[in-house]
Amino acid sequence: MAVYTPKLPDSIVAEYWNKGRANGRAEDILRLLDRRGIEIPDAVREGVKDCTDLDVLSVWFDRSLTVASADELFVEE
């Protein structure tokens, strides 16, 4: 019996792959802040969750290791 397996365009696969990676990175940032005992205001939580730019999320992840408050994630250097 043949099984139908739809082939999605590579652009769709890449889009969903990147969304998944971004979601995972955002969750890592929020978890790290939480584990460090840093209060996460709703606005910061939403800002992190809504971000899909992996480069920005990488910067925020690095910052989440040392910031004293969650708002410091968004400080421009």
C-alpha atoms as a PDB file:
ATOM      1  CA  MET A   1       0.000   0.000   0.000  1.00  0.00           C
ATOM      2  CA  ALA A   2       1.425   3.370  -1.005  1.00  0.00           C
ATOM      3  CA  VAL A   3       1.580   6.124   1.550  1.00  0.00           C
ATOM      4  CA  TYR A   4       1.071   9.718   0.437  1.00  0.00           C
ATOM      5  CA  THR A   5       3.737  11.999   1.836  1.00  0.00           C
ATOM      6  CA  PRO A   6       3.268  15.611   0.806  1.00  0.00           C
ATOM      7  CA  LYS A   7       6.406  17.510  -0.176  1.00  0.00           C
ATOM      8  CA  LEU A   8       6.450  20.988   1.276  1.00  0.00           C
ATOM      9  CA  PRO A   9       8.434  23.698  -0.476  1.00  0.00           C
ATOM     10  CA  ASP A  10      11.864  24.263   1.051  1.00  0.00           C
ATOM     11  CA  SER A  11      10.928  27.852   1.895  1.00  0.00           C
ATOM     12  CA  ILE A  12       8.015  26.667   4.049  1.00  0.00           C
ATOM     13  CA  VAL A  13      10.179  24.075   5.793  1.00  0.00           C
ATOM     14  CA  ALA A  14      12.877  26.699   6.474  1.00  0.00           C
ATOM     15  CA  GLU A  15      10.298  29.165   7.792  1.00  0.00           C
ATOM     16  CA  TYR A  16       8.875  26.669  10.279  1.00  0.00           C
ATOM     17  CA  TRP A  17      12.354  25.438  11.228  1.00  0.00           C
ATOM     18  CA  ASN A  18      13.438  29.008  12.029  1.00  0.00           C
ATOM     19  CA  LYS A  19      10.235  29.706  13.968  1.00  0.00           C
ATOM     20  CA  GLY A  20      10.869  26.601  16.034  1.00  0.00           C
ATOM     21  CA  ARG A  21      14.469  27.594  16.714  1.00  0.00           C
ATOM     22  CA  ALA A  22      13.389  31.128  17.655  1.00  0.00           C
ATOM     23  CA  ASN A  23      10.705  29.795  19.980  1.00  0.00           C
ATOM     24  CA  GLY A  24      13.218  27.498  21.652  1.00  0.00           C
ATOM     25  CA  ARG A  25      15.761  30.294  22.060  1.00  0.00           C
ATOM     26  CA  ALA A  26      13.101  32.592  23.545  1.00  0.00           C
ATOM     27  CA  GLU A  27      12.104  29.896  26.036  1.00  0.00           C
ATOM     28  CA  ASP A  28      15.772  29.420  26.971  1.00  0.00           C
ATOM     29  CA  ILE A  29      16.157  33.146  27.654  1.00  0.00           C
ATOM     30  CA  LEU A  30      13.059  33.282  29.824  1.00  0.00           C
ATOM     31  CA  ARG A  31      13.993  30.124  31.708  1.00  0.00           C
ATOM     32  CA  LEU A  32      17.491  31.385  32.382  1.00  0.00           C
ATOM     33  CA  LEU A  33      16.199  34.683  33.735  1.00  0.00           C
ATOM     34  CA  ASP A  34      13.703  32.817  35.886  1.00  0.00           C
ATOM     35  CA  ARG A  35      16.349  30.426  37.244  1.00  0.00           C
ATOM     36  CA  ARG A  36      18.533  33.416  38.095  1.00  0.00           C
ATOM     37  CA  GLY A  37      15.638  34.826  40.134  1.00  0.00           C
ATOM     38  CA  ILE A  38      15.094  37.798  37.845  1.00  0.00           C
ATOM     39  CA  GLU A  39      11.532  39.063  37.670  1.00  0.00           C
ATOM     40  CA  ILE A  40      10.196  39.046  34.108  1.00  0.00           C
ATOM     41  CA  PRO A  41       7.543  41.701  33.429  1.00  0.00           C
ATOM     42  CA  ASP A  42       4.802  40.723  30.990  1.00  0.00           C
ATOM     43  CA  ALA A  43       6.068  43.263  28.425  1.00  0.00           C
ATOM     44  CA  VAL A  44       9.535  41.694  28.448  1.00  0.00           C
ATOM     45  CA  ARG A  45       8.109  38.166  28.280  1.00  0.00           C
ATOM     46  CA  GLU A  46       5.986  39.095  25.263  1.00  0.00           C
ATOM     47  CA  GLY A  47       8.857  40.964  23.586  1.00  0.00           C
ATOM     48  CA  VAL A  48      11.103  37.924  23.863  1.00  0.00           C
ATOM     49  CA  LYS A  49       8.402  35.479  22.746  1.00  0.00           C
ATOM     50  CA  ASP A  50       7.414  37.646  19.762  1.00  0.00           C
ATOM     51  CA  CYS A  51      10.970  37.971  18.432  1.00  0.00           C
ATOM     52  CA  THR A  52      11.798  35.745  15.454  1.00  0.00           C
ATOM     53  CA  ASP A  53      15.260  37.151  14.657  1.00  0.00           C
ATOM     54  CA  LEU A  54      17.757  34.493  15.710  1.00  0.00           C
ATOM     55  CA  ASP A  55      20.641  36.984  15.780  1.00  0.00           C
ATOM     56  CA  VAL A  56      18.768  39.265  18.180  1.00  0.00           C
ATOM     57  CA  LEU A  57      17.740  36.310  20.324  1.00  0.00           C
ATOM     58  CA  SER A  58      21.391  35.216  20.495  1.00  0.00           C
ATOM     59  CA  VAL A  59      22.381  38.651  21.800  1.00  0.00           C
ATOM     60  CA  TRP A  60      19.562  38.552  24.342  1.00  0.00           C
ATOM     61  CA  PHE A  61      20.574  35.056  25.441  1.00  0.00           C
ATOM     62  CA  ASP A  62      24.139  36.217  26.072  1.00  0.00           C
ATOM     63  CA  ARG A  63      22.833  39.216  28.000  1.00  0.00           C
ATOM     64  CA  SER A  64      20.490  37.037  30.054  1.00  0.00           C
ATOM     65  CA  LEU A  65      23.563  35.467  31.643  1.00  0.00           C
ATOM     66  CA  THR A  66      24.612  38.713  33.323  1.00  0.00           C
ATOM     67  CA  VAL A  67      21.774  41.283  33.424  1.00  0.00           C
ATOM     68  CA  ALA A  68      20.492  42.520  36.762  1.00  0.00           C
ATOM     69  CA  SER A  69      16.957  43.111  35.419  1.00  0.00           C
ATOM     70  CA  ALA A  70      15.002  41.707  32.484  1.00  0.00           C
ATOM     71  CA  ASP A  71      14.630  45.183  30.947  1.00  0.00           C
ATOM     72  CA  GLU A  72      18.395  45.233  30.363  1.00  0.00           C
ATOM     73  CA  LEU A  73      17.991  42.660  27.598  1.00  0.00           C
ATOM     74  CA  PHE A  74      16.782  45.398  25.279  1.00  0.00           C
ATOM     75  CA  VAL A  75      19.447  48.017  26.013  1.00  0.00           C
ATOM     76  CA  GLU A  76      21.178  49.254  22.869  1.00  0.00           C
ATOM     77  CA  GLU A  77      24.950  49.121  22.986  1.00  0.00           C
END
